[in-house]
């Protein structure tokens, strides 16, 4: 199967947001909710310690810091990664405007061609595939990701590609 795909900025942005969410969404949700508990424990610990310094107040403060410190760390880490991710996305959009990508699915490999550049991935190179929001994500052993959307190839072709990938013994992620 061969596909010729013209670069579309909106599709690219949606696919990159999908990748970002796959990487960070669980941590964001966990730390978004856990910091409320940390603040609550910190306030109670301070009140207990202020009334009469004791072990219970110190314990509450220590537990709250154990919750709040990772929250603060991941807050700044995720925030900085978003900035870097947005900058990389803008660079990629500028570099790929008006390009045509060629994807070829063969029995032995997946071939991606852009201009004179060609990447060949044997099916053994892929460790997992995911289907999220009508996008097929293929992830290699080197943690490179390749994304193909149903919008780009059409519903029938998309289902055909998924069947083809399943037959190549690429493992499906259990979370889908």
N, C-alpha and C. Protein backbone atom coordinates (compact mmCIF):
# COMPACT_ATOMS: atom_id res chain seq x y z
N UNK A 1 0.84 -1.17 0.00
CA UNK A 1 0.00 0.00 0.00
C UNK A 1 0.88 1.24 0.00
N UNK A 2 0.54 2.16 -0.85
CA UNK A 2 1.28 3.41 -0.94
C UNK A 2 0.31 4.57 -0.72
N UNK A 3 0.81 5.57 0.02
CA UNK A 3 0.01 6.76 0.27
C UNK A 3 0.87 8.00 0.06
N UNK A 4 0.27 8.98 -0.56
CA UNK A 4 0.92 10.26 -0.76
C UNK A 4 0.15 11.28 0.07
N UNK A 5 0.81 11.86 1.06
CA UNK A 5 0.15 12.75 2.02
C UNK A 5 0.76 14.14 1.96
N UNK A 6 -0.09 15.12 1.72
CA UNK A 6 0.36 16.51 1.74
C UNK A 6 0.35 16.98 3.19
N UNK A 7 1.38 17.72 3.57
CA UNK A 7 1.48 18.22 4.95
C UNK A 7 0.33 19.17 5.23
N UNK A 8 -0.36 18.92 6.35
CA UNK A 8 -1.47 19.76 6.80
C UNK A 8 -1.16 20.22 8.22
N UNK A 9 -1.08 21.53 8.40
CA UNK A 9 -0.68 22.10 9.69
C UNK A 9 -1.66 21.73 10.80
N UNK A 10 -2.95 21.76 10.54
CA UNK A 10 -3.95 21.46 11.58
C UNK A 10 -3.86 20.00 12.03
N UNK A 11 -3.72 19.11 11.08
CA UNK A 11 -3.58 17.68 11.43
C UNK A 11 -2.30 17.46 12.22
N UNK A 12 -1.22 18.10 11.80
CA UNK A 12 0.06 17.97 12.50
C UNK A 12 -0.06 18.46 13.94
N UNK A 13 -0.68 19.63 14.14
CA UNK A 13 -0.85 20.16 15.50
C UNK A 13 -1.66 19.21 16.37
N UNK A 14 -2.74 18.67 15.83
CA UNK A 14 -3.56 17.72 16.59
C UNK A 14 -2.78 16.47 16.96
N UNK A 15 -2.00 15.97 16.03
CA UNK A 15 -1.21 14.77 16.29
C UNK A 15 -0.12 15.02 17.32
N UNK A 16 0.51 16.18 17.27
CA UNK A 16 1.54 16.50 18.26
C UNK A 16 0.93 16.71 19.65
N UNK A 17 -0.25 17.31 19.70
CA UNK A 17 -0.94 17.46 20.98
C UNK A 17 -1.31 16.08 21.55
N UNK A 18 -1.67 15.17 20.67
CA UNK A 18 -1.97 13.81 21.09
C UNK A 18 -0.73 13.13 21.68
N UNK A 19 0.42 13.31 21.04
CA UNK A 19 1.67 12.76 21.57
C UNK A 19 2.01 13.35 22.94
N UNK A 20 1.86 14.67 23.06
CA UNK A 20 2.15 15.34 24.33
C UNK A 20 1.24 14.81 25.43
N UNK A 21 -0.04 14.65 25.11
CA UNK A 21 -0.98 14.14 26.11
C UNK A 21 -0.64 12.71 26.52
N UNK A 22 -0.20 11.90 25.58
CA UNK A 22 0.19 10.53 25.92
C UNK A 22 1.37 10.52 26.88
N UNK A 23 2.26 11.47 26.70
CA UNK A 23 3.46 11.51 27.54
C UNK A 23 3.18 12.10 28.92
N UNK A 24 2.32 13.12 29.02
CA UNK A 24 2.22 13.87 30.28
C UNK A 24 0.86 13.84 30.96
N UNK A 25 -0.18 13.42 30.28
CA UNK A 25 -1.53 13.57 30.82
C UNK A 25 -1.72 12.88 32.17
N UNK A 26 -1.22 11.66 32.32
CA UNK A 26 -1.39 10.94 33.59
C UNK A 26 -0.73 11.68 34.74
N UNK A 27 0.47 12.17 34.52
CA UNK A 27 1.17 12.91 35.58
C UNK A 27 0.45 14.22 35.90
N UNK A 28 -0.04 14.89 34.88
CA UNK A 28 -0.74 16.16 35.10
C UNK A 28 -1.98 15.91 35.96
N UNK A 29 -2.76 14.91 35.62
CA UNK A 29 -3.98 14.62 36.38
C UNK A 29 -3.64 14.22 37.80
N UNK A 30 -2.64 13.35 37.97
CA UNK A 30 -2.27 12.90 39.30
C UNK A 30 -1.82 14.07 40.17
N UNK A 31 -0.89 14.86 39.68
CA UNK A 31 -0.35 15.94 40.50
C UNK A 31 -1.32 17.11 40.63
N UNK A 32 -2.22 17.27 39.66
CA UNK A 32 -3.22 18.32 39.78
C UNK A 32 -4.12 18.05 40.99
N UNK A 33 -4.49 16.81 41.19
CA UNK A 33 -5.38 16.47 42.30
C UNK A 33 -4.63 16.26 43.61
N UNK A 34 -3.41 15.77 43.56
CA UNK A 34 -2.69 15.46 44.79
C UNK A 34 -2.21 16.71 45.53
N UNK A 35 -1.99 17.80 44.83
CA UNK A 35 -1.47 18.98 45.53
C UNK A 35 -2.50 19.58 46.48
N UNK A 36 -3.79 19.35 46.21
CA UNK A 36 -4.81 19.81 47.16
C UNK A 36 -4.65 19.09 48.50
N UNK A 37 -4.40 17.79 48.45
CA UNK A 37 -4.16 17.02 49.67
C UNK A 37 -2.90 17.52 50.37
N UNK A 38 -1.86 17.80 49.61
CA UNK A 38 -0.62 18.30 50.20
C UNK A 38 -0.80 19.63 50.90
N UNK A 39 -1.53 20.52 50.28
CA UNK A 39 -1.78 21.83 50.91
C UNK A 39 -2.62 21.66 52.16
N UNK A 40 -3.64 20.82 52.09
CA UNK A 40 -4.50 20.56 53.25
C UNK A 40 -3.69 19.98 54.41
N UNK A 41 -2.86 19.00 54.14
CA UNK A 41 -2.03 18.40 55.20
C UNK A 41 -1.03 19.41 55.76
N UNK A 42 -0.49 20.26 54.91
CA UNK A 42 0.46 21.27 55.36
C UNK A 42 -0.21 22.26 56.31
N UNK A 43 -1.40 22.71 55.97
CA UNK A 43 -2.13 23.65 56.83
C UNK A 43 -2.45 23.02 58.17
N UNK A 44 -2.94 21.77 58.15
CA UNK A 44 -3.25 21.08 59.41
C UNK A 44 -1.99 20.87 60.23
N UNK A 45 -0.90 20.47 59.59
CA UNK A 45 0.36 20.27 60.29
C UNK A 45 0.87 21.56 60.93
N UNK A 46 0.75 22.67 60.19
CA UNK A 46 1.18 23.97 60.75
C UNK A 46 0.31 24.37 61.92
N UNK A 47 -0.99 24.14 61.82
CA UNK A 47 -1.89 24.49 62.93
C UNK A 47 -1.58 23.65 64.16
N UNK A 48 -1.36 22.36 63.95
CA UNK A 48 -1.03 21.48 65.08
C UNK A 48 0.31 21.86 65.70
N UNK A 49 1.27 22.20 64.86
CA UNK A 49 2.59 22.54 65.35
C UNK A 49 2.59 23.91 66.04
N UNK A 50 1.77 24.83 65.55
CA UNK A 50 1.69 26.17 66.12
C UNK A 50 1.06 26.14 67.52
N UNK A 51 0.00 25.35 67.65
CA UNK A 51 -0.68 25.23 68.95
C UNK A 51 0.29 24.72 70.02
N UNK A 52 0.87 23.59 69.71
CA UNK A 52 1.80 22.98 70.65
C UNK A 52 2.74 22.09 69.83
N UNK A 53 4.00 22.48 69.69
CA UNK A 53 4.91 21.67 68.87
C UNK A 53 4.90 20.21 69.32
N UNK A 54 4.56 19.33 68.38
CA UNK A 54 4.51 17.91 68.69
C UNK A 54 4.84 17.08 67.45
N UNK A 55 4.93 15.80 67.64
CA UNK A 55 5.30 14.87 66.57
C UNK A 55 4.21 14.78 65.49
N UNK A 56 2.95 14.89 65.87
CA UNK A 56 1.86 14.79 64.90
C UNK A 56 1.91 15.95 63.90
N UNK A 57 2.14 17.17 64.38
CA UNK A 57 2.24 18.32 63.49
C UNK A 57 3.41 18.19 62.54
N UNK A 58 4.56 17.74 63.05
CA UNK A 58 5.74 17.54 62.21
C UNK A 58 5.48 16.45 61.17
N UNK A 59 4.78 15.39 61.56
CA UNK A 59 4.46 14.29 60.64
C UNK A 59 3.58 14.80 59.49
N UNK A 60 2.56 15.58 59.83
CA UNK A 60 1.69 16.13 58.78
C UNK A 60 2.48 17.03 57.83
N UNK A 61 3.37 17.84 58.35
CA UNK A 61 4.18 18.73 57.52
C UNK A 61 5.10 17.92 56.60
N UNK A 62 5.72 16.88 57.13
CA UNK A 62 6.62 16.04 56.33
C UNK A 62 5.85 15.33 55.22
N UNK A 63 4.67 14.76 55.55
CA UNK A 63 3.86 14.11 54.51
C UNK A 63 3.41 15.10 53.45
N UNK A 64 3.04 16.30 53.88
CA UNK A 64 2.59 17.30 52.91
C UNK A 64 3.74 17.70 51.98
N UNK A 65 4.94 17.84 52.53
CA UNK A 65 6.09 18.19 51.68
C UNK A 65 6.43 17.05 50.72
N UNK A 66 6.21 15.81 51.17
CA UNK A 66 6.42 14.66 50.30
C UNK A 66 5.47 14.65 49.12
N UNK A 67 4.33 15.28 49.28
CA UNK A 67 3.36 15.39 48.18
C UNK A 67 3.63 16.64 47.35
N UNK A 68 3.93 17.75 48.01
CA UNK A 68 4.07 19.03 47.32
C UNK A 68 5.37 19.17 46.53
N UNK A 69 6.45 18.61 47.01
CA UNK A 69 7.73 18.75 46.30
C UNK A 69 7.68 18.09 44.92
N UNK A 70 7.18 16.84 44.78
CA UNK A 70 7.06 16.28 43.42
C UNK A 70 6.10 17.09 42.55
N UNK A 71 5.02 17.61 43.16
CA UNK A 71 4.08 18.43 42.39
C UNK A 71 4.80 19.65 41.81
N UNK A 72 5.54 20.35 42.62
CA UNK A 72 6.26 21.54 42.17
C UNK A 72 7.29 21.18 41.11
N UNK A 73 8.02 20.08 41.33
CA UNK A 73 9.02 19.63 40.36
C UNK A 73 8.38 19.35 39.00
N UNK A 74 7.30 18.55 38.99
CA UNK A 74 6.66 18.20 37.72
C UNK A 74 5.92 19.38 37.10
N UNK A 75 5.43 20.30 37.91
CA UNK A 75 4.79 21.50 37.38
C UNK A 75 5.77 22.28 36.50
N UNK A 76 6.97 22.51 37.03
CA UNK A 76 7.95 23.27 36.26
C UNK A 76 8.53 22.44 35.11
N UNK A 77 8.69 21.14 35.31
CA UNK A 77 9.21 20.29 34.25
C UNK A 77 8.23 20.22 33.08
N UNK A 78 6.95 20.04 33.37
CA UNK A 78 5.94 19.96 32.32
C UNK A 78 5.80 21.31 31.63
N UNK A 79 5.83 22.38 32.41
CA UNK A 79 5.71 23.72 31.83
C UNK A 79 6.87 24.00 30.87
N UNK A 80 8.08 23.65 31.27
CA UNK A 80 9.22 23.89 30.38
C UNK A 80 9.18 22.97 29.16
N UNK A 81 8.71 21.73 29.34
CA UNK A 81 8.62 20.84 28.19
C UNK A 81 7.56 21.32 27.21
N UNK A 82 6.48 21.92 27.70
CA UNK A 82 5.46 22.48 26.81
C UNK A 82 6.04 23.61 25.97
N UNK A 83 6.84 24.47 26.61
CA UNK A 83 7.46 25.57 25.86
C UNK A 83 8.38 25.03 24.77
N UNK A 84 9.20 24.06 25.13
CA UNK A 84 10.10 23.44 24.15
C UNK A 84 9.33 22.72 23.07
N UNK A 85 8.25 22.08 23.46
CA UNK A 85 7.43 21.34 22.52
C UNK A 85 6.77 22.29 21.52
N UNK A 86 6.28 23.42 21.99
CA UNK A 86 5.66 24.40 21.10
C UNK A 86 6.69 25.00 20.14
N UNK A 87 7.88 25.27 20.64
CA UNK A 87 8.93 25.82 19.78
C UNK A 87 9.31 24.80 18.70
N UNK A 88 9.44 23.54 19.08
CA UNK A 88 9.78 22.50 18.11
C UNK A 88 8.66 22.31 17.09
N UNK A 89 7.42 22.42 17.57
CA UNK A 89 6.28 22.27 16.67
C UNK A 89 6.27 23.38 15.61
N UNK A 90 6.55 24.59 16.02
CA UNK A 90 6.58 25.71 15.09
C UNK A 90 7.71 25.54 14.07
N UNK A 91 8.89 25.10 14.53
CA UNK A 91 10.00 24.84 13.60
C UNK A 91 9.63 23.77 12.59
N UNK A 92 9.00 22.71 13.08
CA UNK A 92 8.61 21.59 12.22
C UNK A 92 7.58 22.04 11.17
N UNK A 93 6.66 22.86 11.58
CA UNK A 93 5.64 23.36 10.65
C UNK A 93 6.29 24.19 9.56
N UNK A 94 7.20 25.07 9.95
CA UNK A 94 7.89 25.91 8.96
C UNK A 94 8.72 25.06 8.00
N UNK A 95 9.35 24.01 8.51
CA UNK A 95 10.21 23.18 7.67
C UNK A 95 9.41 22.30 6.71
N UNK A 96 8.19 21.91 7.10
CA UNK A 96 7.43 20.94 6.32
C UNK A 96 6.33 21.54 5.45
N UNK A 97 6.17 22.84 5.48
CA UNK A 97 5.13 23.45 4.65
C UNK A 97 5.33 23.06 3.19
N UNK A 98 4.23 22.71 2.55
CA UNK A 98 4.20 22.38 1.12
C UNK A 98 4.98 21.11 0.77
N UNK A 99 5.29 20.28 1.75
CA UNK A 99 5.97 19.02 1.44
C UNK A 99 4.94 17.90 1.26
N UNK A 100 5.36 16.90 0.52
CA UNK A 100 4.52 15.72 0.31
C UNK A 100 5.27 14.53 0.88
N UNK A 101 4.59 13.79 1.73
CA UNK A 101 5.15 12.61 2.38
C UNK A 101 4.62 11.36 1.68
N UNK A 102 5.51 10.41 1.45
CA UNK A 102 5.13 9.14 0.83
C UNK A 102 5.31 8.04 1.87
N UNK A 103 4.24 7.33 2.13
CA UNK A 103 4.30 6.18 3.04
C UNK A 103 4.02 4.94 2.22
N UNK A 104 4.87 3.93 2.41
CA UNK A 104 4.67 2.66 1.71
C UNK A 104 4.73 1.52 2.72
N UNK A 105 3.65 0.76 2.76
CA UNK A 105 3.56 -0.40 3.65
C UNK A 105 3.85 -1.63 2.82
N UNK A 106 4.98 -2.30 3.12
CA UNK A 106 5.33 -3.54 2.41
C UNK A 106 5.31 -4.69 3.41
N UNK A 107 5.49 -5.88 2.91
CA UNK A 107 5.49 -7.06 3.78
C UNK A 107 6.66 -7.04 4.77
N UNK A 108 7.80 -6.46 4.38
CA UNK A 108 8.98 -6.46 5.22
C UNK A 108 9.14 -5.20 6.05
N UNK A 109 8.64 -4.06 5.55
CA UNK A 109 8.96 -2.81 6.22
C UNK A 109 7.94 -1.71 5.92
N UNK A 110 8.12 -0.62 6.64
CA UNK A 110 7.39 0.61 6.40
C UNK A 110 8.40 1.63 5.90
N UNK A 111 8.10 2.25 4.77
CA UNK A 111 9.03 3.20 4.17
C UNK A 111 8.37 4.58 4.15
N UNK A 112 9.09 5.56 4.67
CA UNK A 112 8.62 6.94 4.64
C UNK A 112 9.60 7.75 3.81
N UNK A 113 9.09 8.46 2.81
CA UNK A 113 9.95 9.27 1.94
C UNK A 113 9.46 10.72 1.97
N UNK A 114 10.42 11.63 2.11
CA UNK A 114 10.17 13.05 2.02
C UNK A 114 11.32 13.64 1.21
N UNK A 115 10.97 14.27 0.10
CA UNK A 115 11.98 14.80 -0.83
C UNK A 115 12.97 13.69 -1.16
N UNK A 116 14.26 13.87 -0.84
CA UNK A 116 15.26 12.86 -1.12
C UNK A 116 15.59 12.00 0.10
N UNK A 117 14.91 12.27 1.19
CA UNK A 117 15.18 11.56 2.44
C UNK A 117 14.23 10.37 2.58
N UNK A 118 14.80 9.22 2.92
CA UNK A 118 14.01 8.01 3.04
C UNK A 118 14.34 7.31 4.36
N UNK A 119 13.30 6.93 5.08
CA UNK A 119 13.48 6.15 6.31
C UNK A 119 12.79 4.81 6.12
N UNK A 120 13.50 3.74 6.48
CA UNK A 120 12.98 2.39 6.34
C UNK A 120 12.94 1.76 7.73
N UNK A 121 11.76 1.29 8.11
CA UNK A 121 11.59 0.62 9.40
C UNK A 121 11.09 -0.80 9.15
N UNK A 122 11.89 -1.76 9.56
CA UNK A 122 11.42 -3.14 9.51
C UNK A 122 10.32 -3.31 10.54
N UNK A 123 9.43 -4.26 10.32
CA UNK A 123 8.32 -4.44 11.25
C UNK A 123 8.80 -4.89 12.62
N UNK A 124 9.99 -5.49 12.67
CA UNK A 124 10.56 -5.89 13.97
C UNK A 124 11.01 -4.68 14.78
N UNK A 125 11.21 -3.53 14.12
CA UNK A 125 11.65 -2.33 14.81
C UNK A 125 10.54 -1.70 15.65
N UNK A 126 9.30 -2.04 15.36
CA UNK A 126 8.18 -1.45 16.10
C UNK A 126 7.86 -2.29 17.33
N UNK A 127 7.73 -1.61 18.47
CA UNK A 127 7.43 -2.35 19.70
C UNK A 127 5.94 -2.32 20.03
N UNK A 128 5.25 -1.29 19.58
CA UNK A 128 3.83 -1.18 19.92
C UNK A 128 3.13 -0.24 18.95
N UNK A 129 1.84 -0.47 18.81
CA UNK A 129 1.04 0.52 18.10
C UNK A 129 -0.16 0.88 18.95
N UNK A 130 -0.62 2.11 18.78
CA UNK A 130 -1.76 2.63 19.54
C UNK A 130 -2.75 3.23 18.56
N UNK A 131 -4.00 3.20 18.94
CA UNK A 131 -5.01 3.89 18.16
C UNK A 131 -5.68 4.87 19.10
N UNK A 132 -5.48 6.15 18.85
CA UNK A 132 -6.04 7.22 19.69
C UNK A 132 -6.66 8.27 18.78
N UNK A 133 -7.89 8.62 19.05
CA UNK A 133 -8.58 9.69 18.32
C UNK A 133 -8.45 9.54 16.81
N UNK A 134 -8.68 8.33 16.33
CA UNK A 134 -8.60 8.01 14.90
C UNK A 134 -7.22 8.30 14.31
N UNK A 135 -6.21 8.06 15.10
CA UNK A 135 -4.82 8.15 14.65
C UNK A 135 -4.11 6.85 15.01
N UNK A 136 -3.29 6.38 14.10
CA UNK A 136 -2.46 5.20 14.34
C UNK A 136 -1.07 5.68 14.71
N UNK A 137 -0.62 5.31 15.89
CA UNK A 137 0.72 5.66 16.34
C UNK A 137 1.56 4.40 16.35
N UNK A 138 2.65 4.42 15.64
CA UNK A 138 3.60 3.32 15.63
C UNK A 138 4.85 3.80 16.37
N UNK A 139 5.26 3.04 17.37
CA UNK A 139 6.40 3.44 18.20
C UNK A 139 7.51 2.42 18.03
N UNK A 140 8.71 2.91 17.70
CA UNK A 140 9.85 2.03 17.46
C UNK A 140 10.61 1.73 18.74
N UNK A 141 11.57 0.84 18.64
CA UNK A 141 12.43 0.50 19.78
C UNK A 141 13.25 1.70 20.23
N UNK A 142 13.53 2.63 19.33
CA UNK A 142 14.28 3.85 19.65
C UNK A 142 13.37 4.96 20.13
N UNK A 143 12.11 4.64 20.39
CA UNK A 143 11.09 5.58 20.86
C UNK A 143 10.79 6.68 19.86
N UNK A 144 10.96 6.38 18.59
CA UNK A 144 10.51 7.29 17.54
C UNK A 144 9.05 6.96 17.29
N UNK A 145 8.28 7.97 17.02
CA UNK A 145 6.87 7.71 16.76
C UNK A 145 6.50 8.15 15.35
N UNK A 146 5.63 7.38 14.76
CA UNK A 146 5.10 7.70 13.44
C UNK A 146 3.59 7.72 13.59
N UNK A 147 2.97 8.77 13.08
CA UNK A 147 1.53 8.94 13.26
C UNK A 147 0.87 9.07 11.89
N UNK A 148 -0.21 8.33 11.74
CA UNK A 148 -1.00 8.40 10.53
C UNK A 148 -2.46 8.53 10.93
N UNK A 149 -3.12 9.55 10.45
CA UNK A 149 -4.50 9.81 10.83
C UNK A 149 -5.50 9.30 9.81
N UNK A 150 -6.67 8.96 10.32
CA UNK A 150 -7.76 8.52 9.45
C UNK A 150 -8.15 9.65 8.49
N UNK A 151 -8.05 10.88 8.95
CA UNK A 151 -8.37 12.04 8.12
C UNK A 151 -7.47 12.10 6.90
N UNK A 152 -6.23 11.66 7.04
CA UNK A 152 -5.26 11.75 5.95
C UNK A 152 -5.47 10.70 4.86
N UNK A 153 -5.89 9.50 5.26
CA UNK A 153 -5.97 8.40 4.30
C UNK A 153 -7.38 7.92 4.01
N UNK A 154 -8.35 8.33 4.79
CA UNK A 154 -9.72 7.87 4.61
C UNK A 154 -10.04 6.69 5.51
N UNK A 155 -11.30 6.51 5.79
CA UNK A 155 -11.74 5.49 6.75
C UNK A 155 -11.40 4.07 6.29
N UNK A 156 -11.70 3.74 5.03
CA UNK A 156 -11.45 2.38 4.53
C UNK A 156 -9.96 2.06 4.53
N UNK A 157 -9.15 2.99 4.04
CA UNK A 157 -7.70 2.78 4.01
C UNK A 157 -7.15 2.67 5.42
N UNK A 158 -7.67 3.47 6.34
CA UNK A 158 -7.20 3.45 7.72
C UNK A 158 -7.45 2.08 8.35
N UNK A 159 -8.64 1.54 8.16
CA UNK A 159 -8.95 0.21 8.70
C UNK A 159 -8.08 -0.86 8.05
N UNK A 160 -7.82 -0.71 6.77
CA UNK A 160 -6.96 -1.65 6.05
C UNK A 160 -5.52 -1.59 6.60
N UNK A 161 -5.05 -0.39 6.89
CA UNK A 161 -3.70 -0.23 7.45
C UNK A 161 -3.62 -0.86 8.83
N UNK A 162 -4.63 -0.66 9.66
CA UNK A 162 -4.64 -1.26 11.01
C UNK A 162 -4.60 -2.78 10.91
N UNK A 163 -5.40 -3.36 10.03
CA UNK A 163 -5.37 -4.81 9.83
C UNK A 163 -4.00 -5.27 9.36
N UNK A 164 -3.40 -4.51 8.46
CA UNK A 164 -2.07 -4.83 7.94
C UNK A 164 -1.04 -4.80 9.06
N UNK A 165 -1.08 -3.78 9.91
CA UNK A 165 -0.12 -3.67 11.02
C UNK A 165 -0.32 -4.80 12.01
N UNK A 166 -1.57 -5.17 12.30
CA UNK A 166 -1.83 -6.27 13.23
C UNK A 166 -1.24 -7.59 12.71
N UNK A 167 -1.29 -7.78 11.42
CA UNK A 167 -0.75 -9.01 10.83
C UNK A 167 0.77 -9.04 10.86
N UNK A 168 1.41 -7.91 11.05
CA UNK A 168 2.88 -7.84 11.12
C UNK A 168 3.38 -8.13 12.52
N UNK A 169 2.53 -8.58 13.41
CA UNK A 169 2.88 -8.94 14.79
C UNK A 169 3.40 -7.77 15.62
N UNK A 170 2.92 -6.58 15.31
CA UNK A 170 3.22 -5.44 16.16
C UNK A 170 2.21 -5.49 17.30
N UNK A 171 2.69 -5.34 18.52
CA UNK A 171 1.83 -5.47 19.69
C UNK A 171 0.97 -4.24 19.86
N UNK A 172 -0.28 -4.47 20.23
CA UNK A 172 -1.20 -3.37 20.50
C UNK A 172 -1.11 -3.00 21.97
N UNK A 173 -1.12 -1.70 22.24
CA UNK A 173 -1.10 -1.23 23.63
C UNK A 173 -2.39 -1.64 24.31
N UNK A 174 -2.29 -2.16 25.51
CA UNK A 174 -3.45 -2.65 26.25
C UNK A 174 -4.35 -1.53 26.75
N UNK A 175 -3.87 -0.29 26.77
CA UNK A 175 -4.65 0.83 27.29
C UNK A 175 -5.65 1.38 26.29
N UNK A 176 -5.63 0.90 25.05
CA UNK A 176 -6.53 1.45 24.04
C UNK A 176 -7.91 0.89 24.19
